[in-house]
Amino acid sequence: SCELLADYARRKDGCVIVKGLRAGSDFENEFQMAQINHK
């Protein structure tokens, strides 16, 4: 997909985004993205 992830999830009836975290440094960016997607 080339569309916004939150819109893609809505179109596909997705209820959860899965993100893999390797290190604590991944969390800050992924947490921010999770908040935006939920908004």
Full PDB file with SEQRES, HELIX, SHEET, SSBOND, CRYST1, ORIGX, SCALE, CONECT and MASTER records, all heavy atoms in Angstrom:
SEQRES   1 A   39  SER CYS GLU LEU LEU ALA ASP TYR ALA ARG ARG LYS ASP          
SEQRES   2 A   39  GLY CYS VAL ILE VAL LYS GLY LEU ARG ALA GLY SER ASP          
SEQRES   3 A   39  PHE GLU ASN GLU PHE GLN MET ALA GLN ILE ASN HIS LYS          
HELIX    1 AA1 LEU A    5  ARG A   11  1                                   7    
HELIX    2 AA2 GLY A   24  HIS A   38  1                                  15    
CRYST1    1.000    1.000    1.000  90.00  90.00  90.00 P 1           1          
ORIGX1      1.000000  0.000000  0.000000        0.00000                         
ORIGX2      0.000000  1.000000  0.000000        0.00000                         
ORIGX3      0.000000  0.000000  1.000000        0.00000                         
SCALE1      1.000000  0.000000  0.000000        0.00000                         
SCALE2      0.000000  1.000000  0.000000        0.00000                         
SCALE3      0.000000  0.000000  1.000000        0.00000                         
ATOM      1  N   SER A   1       0.825  -1.194   0.000  1.00  0.00           N  
ATOM      2  CA  SER A   1       0.000   0.000   0.000  1.00  0.00           C  
ATOM      3  C   SER A   1       0.864   1.251   0.000  1.00  0.00           C  
ATOM      4  O   SER A   1       1.954   1.260   0.569  1.00  0.00           O  
ATOM      5  CB  SER A   1      -0.916   0.014   1.229  1.00  0.00           C  
ATOM      6  OG  SER A   1      -1.681   1.197   1.264  1.00  0.00           O  
ATOM      7  N   CYS A   2       0.336   2.271  -0.621  1.00  0.00           N  
ATOM      8  CA  CYS A   2       0.975   3.596  -0.626  1.00  0.00           C  
ATOM      9  C   CYS A   2       0.176   4.571   0.235  1.00  0.00           C  
ATOM     10  O   CYS A   2       0.535   5.731   0.351  1.00  0.00           O  
ATOM     11  CB  CYS A   2       1.057   4.140  -2.046  1.00  0.00           C  
ATOM     12  SG  CYS A   2       2.067   3.149  -3.144  1.00  0.00           S  
ATOM     13  N   GLU A   3      -0.919   4.085   0.811  1.00  0.00           N  
ATOM     14  CA  GLU A   3      -1.784   4.994   1.558  1.00  0.00           C  
ATOM     15  C   GLU A   3      -1.364   5.084   3.022  1.00  0.00           C  
ATOM     16  O   GLU A   3      -0.500   4.344   3.489  1.00  0.00           O  
ATOM     17  CB  GLU A   3      -3.250   4.567   1.441  1.00  0.00           C  
ATOM     18  CG  GLU A   3      -3.593   3.237   2.090  1.00  0.00           C  
ATOM     19  CD  GLU A   3      -4.971   2.725   1.707  1.00  0.00           C  
ATOM     20  OE1 GLU A   3      -5.983   3.376   2.051  1.00  0.00           O  
ATOM     21  OE2 GLU A   3      -5.040   1.667   1.059  1.00  0.00           O  
ATOM     22  N   LEU A   4      -1.972   5.984   3.737  1.00  0.00           N  
ATOM     23  CA  LEU A   4      -1.722   6.154   5.164  1.00  0.00           C  
ATOM     24  C   LEU A   4      -2.101   4.871   5.895  1.00  0.00           C  
ATOM     25  O   LEU A   4      -3.160   4.292   5.633  1.00  0.00           O  
ATOM     26  CB  LEU A   4      -2.560   7.331   5.661  1.00  0.00           C  
ATOM     27  CG  LEU A   4      -2.217   7.965   6.983  1.00  0.00           C  
ATOM     28  CD1 LEU A   4      -0.797   8.513   6.969  1.00  0.00           C  
ATOM     29  CD2 LEU A   4      -3.211   9.087   7.271  1.00  0.00           C  
ATOM     30  N   LEU A   5      -1.250   4.414   6.792  1.00  0.00           N  
ATOM     31  CA  LEU A   5      -1.467   3.139   7.473  1.00  0.00           C  
ATOM     32  C   LEU A   5      -2.812   3.084   8.191  1.00  0.00           C  
ATOM     33  O   LEU A   5      -3.521   2.070   8.116  1.00  0.00           O  
ATOM     34  CB  LEU A   5      -0.326   2.861   8.453  1.00  0.00           C  
ATOM     35  CG  LEU A   5      -0.413   1.575   9.261  1.00  0.00           C  
ATOM     36  CD1 LEU A   5      -0.520   0.348   8.360  1.00  0.00           C  
ATOM     37  CD2 LEU A   5       0.792   1.464  10.189  1.00  0.00           C  
ATOM     38  N   ALA A   6      -3.194   4.141   8.881  1.00  0.00           N  
ATOM     39  CA  ALA A   6      -4.473   4.153   9.612  1.00  0.00           C  
ATOM     40  C   ALA A   6      -5.649   3.981   8.647  1.00  0.00           C  
ATOM     41  O   ALA A   6      -6.629   3.300   8.973  1.00  0.00           O  
ATOM     42  CB  ALA A   6      -4.609   5.442  10.415  1.00  0.00           C  
ATOM     43  N   ASP A   7      -5.551   4.579   7.481  1.00  0.00           N  
ATOM     44  CA  ASP A   7      -6.616   4.438   6.473  1.00  0.00           C  
ATOM     45  C   ASP A   7      -6.612   3.032   5.872  1.00  0.00           C  
ATOM     46  O   ASP A   7      -7.666   2.438   5.639  1.00  0.00           O  
ATOM     47  CB  ASP A   7      -6.449   5.486   5.366  1.00  0.00           C  
ATOM     48  CG  ASP A   7      -6.704   6.899   5.857  1.00  0.00           C  
ATOM     49  OD1 ASP A   7      -7.402   7.078   6.875  1.00  0.00           O  
ATOM     50  OD2 ASP A   7      -6.189   7.836   5.205  1.00  0.00           O  
ATOM     51  N   TYR A   8      -5.423   2.508   5.613  1.00  0.00           N  
ATOM     52  CA  TYR A   8      -5.311   1.137   5.099  1.00  0.00           C  
ATOM     53  C   TYR A   8      -5.947   0.156   6.083  1.00  0.00           C  
ATOM     54  O   TYR A   8      -6.717  -0.727   5.693  1.00  0.00           O  
ATOM     55  CB  TYR A   8      -3.839   0.790   4.855  1.00  0.00           C  
ATOM     56  CG  TYR A   8      -3.632  -0.638   4.407  1.00  0.00           C  
ATOM     57  CD1 TYR A   8      -3.780  -0.996   3.074  1.00  0.00           C  
ATOM     58  CD2 TYR A   8      -3.294  -1.637   5.325  1.00  0.00           C  
ATOM     59  CE1 TYR A   8      -3.610  -2.312   2.661  1.00  0.00           C  
ATOM     60  CE2 TYR A   8      -3.122  -2.944   4.928  1.00  0.00           C  
ATOM     61  CZ  TYR A   8      -3.279  -3.286   3.603  1.00  0.00           C  
ATOM     62  OH  TYR A   8      -3.119  -4.593   3.196  1.00  0.00           O  
ATOM     63  N   ALA A   9      -5.626   0.319   7.367  1.00  0.00           N  
ATOM     64  CA  ALA A   9      -6.177  -0.578   8.394  1.00  0.00           C  
ATOM     65  C   ALA A   9      -7.703  -0.494   8.432  1.00  0.00           C  
ATOM     66  O   ALA A   9      -8.377  -1.524   8.553  1.00  0.00           O  
ATOM     67  CB  ALA A   9      -5.585  -0.230   9.759  1.00  0.00           C  
ATOM     68  N   ARG A  10      -8.233   0.704   8.315  1.00  0.00           N  
ATOM     69  CA  ARG A  10      -9.692   0.876   8.312  1.00  0.00           C  
ATOM     70  C   ARG A  10     -10.290   0.135   7.112  1.00  0.00           C  
ATOM     71  O   ARG A  10     -11.275  -0.585   7.237  1.00  0.00           O  
ATOM     72  CB  ARG A  10     -10.045   2.369   8.264  1.00  0.00           C  
ATOM     73  CG  ARG A  10     -11.547   2.631   8.325  1.00  0.00           C  
ATOM     74  CD  ARG A  10     -11.895   4.122   8.256  1.00  0.00           C  
ATOM     75  NE  ARG A  10     -11.430   4.824   9.438  1.00  0.00           N  
ATOM     76  CZ  ARG A  10     -10.498   5.783   9.435  1.00  0.00           C  
ATOM     77  NH1 ARG A  10      -9.925   6.164   8.309  1.00  0.00           N  
ATOM     78  NH2 ARG A  10     -10.139   6.376  10.554  1.00  0.00           N  
ATOM     79  N   ARG A  11      -9.693   0.303   5.960  1.00  0.00           N  
ATOM     80  CA  ARG A  11     -10.197  -0.337   4.730  1.00  0.00           C  
ATOM     81  C   ARG A  11     -10.155  -1.854   4.812  1.00  0.00           C  
ATOM     82  O   ARG A  11     -11.018  -2.552   4.285  1.00  0.00           O  
ATOM     83  CB  ARG A  11      -9.378   0.171   3.534  1.00  0.00           C  
ATOM     84  CG  ARG A  11      -9.869  -0.313   2.193  1.00  0.00           C  
ATOM     85  CD  ARG A  11      -9.209   0.439   1.039  1.00  0.00           C  
ATOM     86  NE  ARG A  11      -7.770   0.335   0.970  1.00  0.00           N  
ATOM     87  CZ  ARG A  11      -7.107  -0.711   0.470  1.00  0.00           C  
ATOM     88  NH1 ARG A  11      -7.771  -1.760   0.015  1.00  0.00           N  
ATOM     89  NH2 ARG A  11      -5.791  -0.706   0.423  1.00  0.00           N  
ATOM     90  N   LYS A  12      -9.144  -2.382   5.504  1.00  0.00           N  
ATOM     91  CA  LYS A  12      -8.970  -3.837   5.622  1.00  0.00           C  
ATOM     92  C   LYS A  12      -9.625  -4.417   6.881  1.00  0.00           C  
ATOM     93  O   LYS A  12      -9.450  -5.595   7.178  1.00  0.00           O  
ATOM     94  CB  LYS A  12      -7.471  -4.184   5.638  1.00  0.00           C  
ATOM     95  CG  LYS A  12      -6.781  -3.948   4.314  1.00  0.00           C  
ATOM     96  CD  LYS A  12      -7.297  -4.928   3.284  1.00  0.00           C  
ATOM     97  CE  LYS A  12      -6.408  -5.018   2.088  1.00  0.00           C  
ATOM     98  NZ  LYS A  12      -6.766  -6.120   1.212  1.00  0.00           N  
ATOM     99  N   ASP A  13     -10.341  -3.597   7.631  1.00  0.00           N  
ATOM    100  CA  ASP A  13     -10.976  -4.003   8.889  1.00  0.00           C  
ATOM    101  C   ASP A  13      -9.956  -4.476   9.927  1.00  0.00           C  
ATOM    102  O   ASP A  13     -10.248  -5.337  10.756  1.00  0.00           O  
ATOM    103  CB  ASP A  13     -12.036  -5.099   8.665  1.00  0.00           C  
ATOM    104  CG  ASP A  13     -13.219  -4.595   7.868  1.00  0.00           C  
ATOM    105  OD1 ASP A  13     -13.624  -3.431   8.068  1.00  0.00           O  
ATOM    106  OD2 ASP A  13     -13.732  -5.366   7.026  1.00  0.00           O  
ATOM    107  N   GLY A  14      -8.770  -3.904   9.867  1.00  0.00           N  
ATOM    108  CA  GLY A  14      -7.741  -4.240  10.848  1.00  0.00           C  
ATOM    109  C   GLY A  14      -7.999  -3.535  12.162  1.00  0.00           C  
ATOM    110  O   GLY A  14      -8.381  -2.361  12.185  1.00  0.00           O  
ATOM    111  N   CYS A  15      -7.796  -4.240  13.251  1.00  0.00           N  
ATOM    112  CA  CYS A  15      -8.006  -3.648  14.573  1.00  0.00           C  
ATOM    113  C   CYS A  15      -6.687  -3.383  15.296  1.00  0.00           C  
ATOM    114  O   CYS A  15      -6.645  -2.650  16.276  1.00  0.00           O  
ATOM    115  CB  CYS A  15      -8.904  -4.533  15.427  1.00  0.00           C  
ATOM    116  SG  CYS A  15      -8.254  -6.190  15.737  1.00  0.00           S  
ATOM    117  N   VAL A  16      -5.602  -3.990  14.802  1.00  0.00           N  
ATOM    118  CA  VAL A  16      -4.310  -3.878  15.479  1.00  0.00           C  
ATOM    119  C   VAL A  16      -3.191  -3.749  14.449  1.00  0.00           C  
ATOM    120  O   VAL A  16      -3.190  -4.435  13.429  1.00  0.00           O  
ATOM    121  CB  VAL A  16      -4.033  -5.121  16.366  1.00  0.00           C  
ATOM    122  CG1 VAL A  16      -2.632  -5.101  16.941  1.00  0.00           C  
ATOM    123  CG2 VAL A  16      -5.048  -5.228  17.486  1.00  0.00           C  
ATOM    124  N   ILE A  17      -2.244  -2.863  14.777  1.00  0.00           N  
ATOM    125  CA  ILE A  17      -0.993  -2.765  14.031  1.00  0.00           C  
ATOM    126  C   ILE A  17       0.049  -3.506  14.863  1.00  0.00           C  
ATOM    127  O   ILE A  17       0.163  -3.276  16.063  1.00  0.00           O  
ATOM    128  CB  ILE A  17      -0.552  -1.293  13.847  1.00  0.00           C  
ATOM    129  CG1 ILE A  17      -1.587  -0.493  13.070  1.00  0.00           C  
ATOM    130  CG2 ILE A  17       0.830  -1.211  13.198  1.00  0.00           C  
ATOM    131  CD1 ILE A  17      -1.849  -0.969  11.672  1.00  0.00           C  
ATOM    132  N   VAL A  18       0.799  -4.385  14.241  1.00  0.00           N  
ATOM    133  CA  VAL A  18       1.876  -5.105  14.920  1.00  0.00           C  
ATOM    134  C   VAL A  18       3.190  -4.434  14.558  1.00  0.00           C  
ATOM    135  O   VAL A  18       3.473  -4.201  13.381  1.00  0.00           O  
ATOM    136  CB  VAL A  18       1.913  -6.592  14.486  1.00  0.00           C  
ATOM    137  CG1 VAL A  18       3.137  -7.296  15.054  1.00  0.00           C  
ATOM    138  CG2 VAL A  18       0.630  -7.301  14.899  1.00  0.00           C  
ATOM    139  N   LYS A  19       3.973  -4.114  15.561  1.00  0.00           N  
ATOM    140  CA  LYS A  19       5.292  -3.525  15.347  1.00  0.00           C  
ATOM    141  C   LYS A  19       6.317  -4.324  16.152  1.00  0.00           C  
ATOM    142  O   LYS A  19       6.093  -4.629  17.315  1.00  0.00           O  
ATOM    143  CB  LYS A  19       5.325  -2.057  15.809  1.00  0.00           C  
ATOM    144  CG  LYS A  19       4.385  -1.139  15.036  1.00  0.00           C  
ATOM    145  CD  LYS A  19       4.674  -1.068  13.557  1.00  0.00           C  
ATOM    146  CE  LYS A  19       5.901  -0.269  13.284  1.00  0.00           C  
ATOM    147  NZ  LYS A  19       6.096   0.120  11.898  1.00  0.00           N  
ATOM    148  N   GLY A  20       7.411  -4.650  15.501  1.00  0.00           N  
ATOM    149  CA  GLY A  20       8.504  -5.328  16.180  1.00  0.00           C  
ATOM    150  C   GLY A  20       9.468  -4.296  16.748  1.00  0.00           C  
ATOM    151  O   GLY A  20       9.790  -3.313  16.077  1.00  0.00           O  
ATOM    152  N   LEU A  21       9.891  -4.505  17.971  1.00  0.00           N  
ATOM    153  CA  LEU A  21      10.853  -3.602  18.616  1.00  0.00           C  
ATOM    154  C   LEU A  21      12.146  -4.348  18.872  1.00  0.00           C  
ATOM    155  O   LEU A  21      12.154  -5.403  19.502  1.00  0.00           O  
ATOM    156  CB  LEU A  21      10.307  -3.078  19.947  1.00  0.00           C  
ATOM    157  CG  LEU A  21       9.051  -2.223  19.899  1.00  0.00           C  
ATOM    158  CD1 LEU A  21       8.638  -1.827  21.313  1.00  0.00           C  
ATOM    159  CD2 LEU A  21       9.264  -0.993  19.050  1.00  0.00           C  
ATOM    160  N   ARG A  22      13.253  -3.779  18.396  1.00  0.00           N  
ATOM    161  CA  ARG A  22      14.562  -4.382  18.627  1.00  0.00           C  
ATOM    162  C   ARG A  22      15.215  -3.839  19.879  1.00  0.00           C  
ATOM    163  O   ARG A  22      15.877  -4.556  20.602  1.00  0.00           O  
ATOM    164  CB  ARG A  22      15.480  -4.138  17.430  1.00  0.00           C  
ATOM    165  CG  ARG A  22      15.086  -4.916  16.203  1.00  0.00           C  
ATOM    166  CD  ARG A  22      15.936  -4.515  15.060  1.00  0.00           C  
ATOM    167  NE  ARG A  22      15.660  -3.096  14.776  1.00  0.00           N  
ATOM    168  CZ  ARG A  22      15.937  -2.497  13.654  1.00  0.00           C  
ATOM    169  NH1 ARG A  22      16.527  -3.140  12.705  1.00  0.00           N  
ATOM    170  NH2 ARG A  22      15.639  -1.234  13.455  1.00  0.00           N  
ATOM    171  N   ALA A  23      15.093  -2.551  20.095  1.00  0.00           N  
ATOM    172  CA  ALA A  23      15.777  -1.927  21.225  1.00  0.00           C  
ATOM    173  C   ALA A  23      14.917  -0.783  21.738  1.00  0.00           C  
ATOM    174  O   ALA A  23      13.958  -0.359  21.091  1.00  0.00           O  
ATOM    175  CB  ALA A  23      17.143  -1.399  20.782  1.00  0.00           C  
ATOM    176  N   GLY A  24      15.271  -0.282  22.894  1.00  0.00           N  
ATOM    177  CA  GLY A  24      14.534   0.828  23.479  1.00  0.00           C  
ATOM    178  C   GLY A  24      14.459   2.027  22.564  1.00  0.00           C  
ATOM    179  O   GLY A  24      13.471   2.764  22.558  1.00  0.00           O  
ATOM    180  N   SER A  25      15.480   2.220  21.758  1.00  0.00           N  
ATOM    181  CA  SER A  25      15.508   3.358  20.838  1.00  0.00           C  
ATOM    182  C   SER A  25      14.402   3.267  19.788  1.00  0.00           C  
ATOM    183  O   SER A  25      13.949   4.288  19.276  1.00  0.00           O  
ATOM    184  CB  SER A  25      16.873   3.468  20.169  1.00  0.00           C  
ATOM    185  OG  SER A  25      17.178   2.273  19.485  1.00  0.00           O  
ATOM    186  N   ASP A  26      13.947   2.059  19.455  1.00  0.00           N  
ATOM    187  CA  ASP A  26      12.834   1.896  18.515  1.00  0.00           C  
ATOM    188  C   ASP A  26      11.519   2.397  19.113  1.00  0.00           C  
ATOM    189  O   ASP A  26      10.647   2.855  18.399  1.00  0.00           O  
ATOM    190  CB  ASP A  26      12.633   0.418  18.146  1.00  0.00           C  
ATOM    191  CG  ASP A  26      13.686  -0.137  17.216  1.00  0.00           C  
ATOM    192  OD1 ASP A  26      14.459   0.651  16.646  1.00  0.00           O  
ATOM    193  OD2 ASP A  26      13.726  -1.370  17.070  1.00  0.00           O  
ATOM    194  N   PHE A  27      11.400   2.276  20.443  1.00  0.00           N  
ATOM    195  CA  PHE A  27      10.115   2.519  21.092  1.00  0.00           C  
ATOM    196  C   PHE A  27       9.615   3.949  20.920  1.00  0.00           C  
ATOM    197  O   PHE A  27       8.437   4.159  20.620  1.00  0.00           O  
ATOM    198  CB  PHE A  27      10.169   2.161  22.579  1.00  0.00           C  
ATOM    199  CG  PHE A  27       8.865   2.407  23.283  1.00  0.00           C  
ATOM    200  CD1 PHE A  27       7.797   1.538  23.105  1.00  0.00           C  
ATOM    201  CD2 PHE A  27       8.689   3.519  24.076  1.00  0.00           C  
ATOM    202  CE1 PHE A  27       6.578   1.776  23.722  1.00  0.00           C  
ATOM    203  CE2 PHE A  27       7.479   3.767  24.701  1.00  0.00           C  
ATOM    204  CZ  PHE A  27       6.420   2.894  24.525  1.00  0.00           C  
ATOM    205  N   GLU A  28      10.469   4.925  21.096  1.00  0.00           N  
ATOM    206  CA  GLU A  28      10.019   6.316  21.078  1.00  0.00           C  
ATOM    207  C   GLU A  28       9.335   6.666  19.760  1.00  0.00           C  
ATOM    208  O   GLU A  28       8.225   7.206  19.745  1.00  0.00           O  
ATOM    209  CB  GLU A  28      11.195   7.250  21.330  1.00  0.00           C  
ATOM    210  CG  GLU A  28      10.760   8.692  21.522  1.00  0.00           C  
ATOM    211  CD  GLU A  28      11.913   9.579  21.939  1.00  0.00           C  
ATOM    212  OE1 GLU A  28      12.779   9.142  22.707  1.00  0.00           O  
ATOM    213  OE2 GLU A  28      11.920  10.726  21.468  1.00  0.00           O  
ATOM    214  N   ASN A  29       9.963   6.345  18.650  1.00  0.00           N  
ATOM    215  CA  ASN A  29       9.384   6.627  17.339  1.00  0.00           C  
ATOM    216  C   ASN A  29       8.121   5.807  17.108  1.00  0.00           C  
ATOM    217  O   ASN A  29       7.107   6.337  16.627  1.00  0.00           O  
ATOM    218  CB  ASN A  29      10.417   6.356  16.243  1.00  0.00           C  
ATOM    219  CG  ASN A  29       9.905   6.733  14.873  1.00  0.00           C  
ATOM    220  OD1 ASN A  29       9.364   7.803  14.669  1.00  0.00           O  
ATOM    221  ND2 ASN A  29      10.082   5.829  13.923  1.00  0.00           N  
ATOM    222  N   GLU A  30       8.160   4.530  17.448  1.00  0.00           N  
ATOM    223  CA  GLU A  30       6.989   3.666  17.227  1.00  0.00           C  
ATOM    224  C   GLU A  30       5.814   4.083  18.114  1.00  0.00           C  
ATOM    225  O   GLU A  30       4.662   4.017  17.691  1.00  0.00           O  
ATOM    226  CB  GLU A  30       7.353   2.199  17.474  1.00  0.00           C  
ATOM    227  CG  GLU A  30       8.365   1.642  16.491  1.00  0.00           C  
ATOM    228  CD  GLU A  30       7.889   1.597  15.040  1.00  0.00           C  
ATOM    229  OE1 GLU A  30       6.693   1.843  14.760  1.00  0.00           O  
ATOM    230  OE2 GLU A  30       8.723   1.317  14.170  1.00  0.00           O  
ATOM    231  N   PHE A  31       6.097   4.514  19.331  1.00  0.00           N  
ATOM    232  CA  PHE A  31       5.045   4.966  20.235  1.00  0.00           C  
ATOM    233  C   PHE A  31       4.353   6.208  19.662  1.00  0.00           C  
ATOM    234  O   PHE A  31       3.126   6.311  19.663  1.00  0.00           O  
ATOM    235  CB  PHE A  31       5.629   5.267  21.615  1.00  0.00           C  
ATOM    236  CG  PHE A  31       4.605   5.712  22.613  1.00  0.00           C  
ATOM    237  CD1 PHE A  31       3.724   4.801  23.182  1.00  0.00           C  
ATOM    238  CD2 PHE A  31       4.518   7.045  22.990  1.00  0.00           C  
ATOM    239  CE1 PHE A  31       2.764   5.210  24.100  1.00  0.00           C  
ATOM    240  CE2 PHE A  31       3.568   7.460  23.913  1.00  0.00           C  
ATOM    241  CZ  PHE A  31       2.687   6.547  24.465  1.00  0.00           C  
ATOM    242  N   GLN A  32       5.141   7.133  19.138  1.00  0.00           N  
ATOM    243  CA  GLN A  32       4.590   8.338  18.533  1.00  0.00           C  
ATOM    244  C   GLN A  32       3.710   7.974  17.334  1.00  0.00           C  
ATOM    245  O   GLN A  32       2.603   8.504  17.179  1.00  0.00           O  
ATOM    246  CB  GLN A  32       5.721   9.263  18.101  1.00  0.00           C  
ATOM    247  CG  GLN A  32       5.249  10.574  17.525  1.00  0.00           C  
ATOM    248  CD  GLN A  32       6.421  11.468  17.113  1.00  0.00           C  
ATOM    249  OE1 GLN A  32       7.518  10.993  16.835  1.00  0.00           O  
ATOM    250  NE2 GLN A  32       6.175  12.756  17.068  1.00  0.00           N  
ATOM    251  N   MET A  33       4.186   7.053  16.502  1.00  0.00           N  
ATOM    252  CA  MET A  33       3.399   6.632  15.343  1.00  0.00           C  
ATOM    253  C   MET A  33       2.103   5.947  15.773  1.00  0.00           C  
ATOM    254  O   MET A  33       1.047   6.144  15.160  1.00  0.00           O  
ATOM    255  CB  MET A  33       4.231   5.718  14.441  1.00  0.00           C  
ATOM    256  CG  MET A  33       5.316   6.481  13.709  1.00  0.00           C  
ATOM    257  SD  MET A  33       6.459   5.448  12.761  1.00  0.00           S  
ATOM    258  CE  MET A  33       5.376   4.497  11.753  1.00  0.00           C  
ATOM    259  N   ALA A  34       2.173   5.156  16.838  1.00  0.00           N  
ATOM    260  CA  ALA A  34       0.978   4.474  17.354  1.00  0.00           C  
ATOM    261  C   ALA A  34      -0.064   5.490  17.808  1.00  0.00           C  
ATOM    262  O   ALA A  34      -1.271   5.314  17.551  1.00  0.00           O  
ATOM    263  CB  ALA A  34       1.361   3.537  18.503  1.00  0.00           C  
ATOM    264  N   GLN A  35       0.382   6.535  18.466  1.00  0.00           N  
ATOM    265  CA  GLN A  35      -0.540   7.571  18.925  1.00  0.00           C  
ATOM    266  C   GLN A  35      -1.197   8.294  17.750  1.00  0.00           C  
ATOM    267  O   GLN A  35      -2.400   8.565  17.770  1.00  0.00           O  
ATOM    268  CB  GLN A  35       0.207   8.579  19.819  1.00  0.00           C  
ATOM    269  CG  GLN A  35       0.727   7.979  21.110  1.00  0.00           C  
ATOM    270  CD  GLN A  35      -0.389   7.401  21.963  1.00  0.00           C  
ATOM    271  OE1 GLN A  35      -1.401   8.036  22.198  1.00  0.00           O  
ATOM    272  NE2 GLN A  35      -0.209   6.165  22.400  1.00  0.00           N  
ATOM    273  N   ILE A  36      -0.425   8.588  16.734  1.00  0.00           N  
ATOM    274  CA  ILE A  36      -0.966   9.264  15.548  1.00  0.00           C  
ATOM    275  C   ILE A  36      -1.968   8.359  14.832  1.00  0.00           C  
ATOM    276  O   ILE A  36      -3.059   8.794  14.451  1.00  0.00           O  
ATOM    277  CB  ILE A  36       0.170   9.704  14.604  1.00  0.00           C  
ATOM    278  CG1 ILE A  36       0.970  10.834  15.259  1.00  0.00           C  
ATOM    279  CG2 ILE A  36      -0.374  10.129  13.237  1.00  0.00           C  
ATOM    280  CD1 ILE A  36       2.272  11.161  14.562  1.00  0.00           C  
ATOM    281  N   ASN A  37      -1.606   7.079  14.657  1.00  0.00           N  
ATOM    282  CA  ASN A  37      -2.524   6.140  13.999  1.00  0.00           C  
ATOM    283  C   ASN A  37      -3.837   6.024  14.766  1.00  0.00           C  
ATOM    284  O   ASN A  37      -4.912   5.980  14.161  1.00  0.00           O  
ATOM    285  CB  ASN A  37      -1.871   4.768  13.845  1.00  0.00           C  
ATOM    286  CG  ASN A  37      -0.847   4.740  12.739  1.00  0.00           C  
ATOM    287  OD1 ASN A  37      -0.986   5.429  11.733  1.00  0.00           O  
ATOM    288  ND2 ASN A  37       0.188   3.944  12.920  1.00  0.00           N  
ATOM    289  N   HIS A  38      -3.748   5.982  16.095  1.00  0.00           N  
ATOM    290  CA  HIS A  38      -4.955   5.870  16.928  1.00  0.00           C  
ATOM    291  C   HIS A  38      -5.794   7.152  16.836  1.00  0.00           C  
ATOM    292  O   HIS A  38      -7.019   7.092  16.858  1.00  0.00           O  
ATOM    293  CB  HIS A  38      -4.574   5.559  18.373  1.00  0.00           C  
ATOM    294  CG  HIS A  38      -5.755   5.275  19.241  1.00  0.00           C  
ATOM    295  ND1 HIS A  38      -6.505   4.120  19.124  1.00  0.00           N  
ATOM    296  CD2 HIS A  38      -6.322   6.000  20.229  1.00  0.00           C  
ATOM    297  CE1 HIS A  38      -7.480   4.150  20.016  1.00  0.00           C  
ATOM    298  NE2 HIS A  38      -7.388   5.287  20.690  1.00  0.00           N  
ATOM    299  N   LYS A  39      -5.135   8.285  16.731  1.00  0.00           N  
ATOM    300  CA  LYS A  39      -5.852   9.563  16.592  1.00  0.00           C  
ATOM    301  C   LYS A  39      -6.630   9.597  15.280  1.00  0.00           C  
ATOM    302  O   LYS A  39      -7.784  10.024  15.231  1.00  0.00           O  
ATOM    303  CB  LYS A  39      -4.850  10.723  16.646  1.00  0.00           C  
ATOM    304  CG  LYS A  39      -5.457  12.079  16.537  1.00  0.00           C  
ATOM    305  CD  LYS A  39      -6.074  12.494  17.838  1.00  0.00           C  
ATOM    306  CE  LYS A  39      -6.480  13.964  17.792  1.00  0.00           C  
ATOM    307  NZ  LYS A  39      -7.351  14.294  18.878  1.00  0.00           N  
TER     308      LYS A  39                                                      
MASTER        0    0    0    2    0    0    0    6  307    1    0    3          
END                                                                             
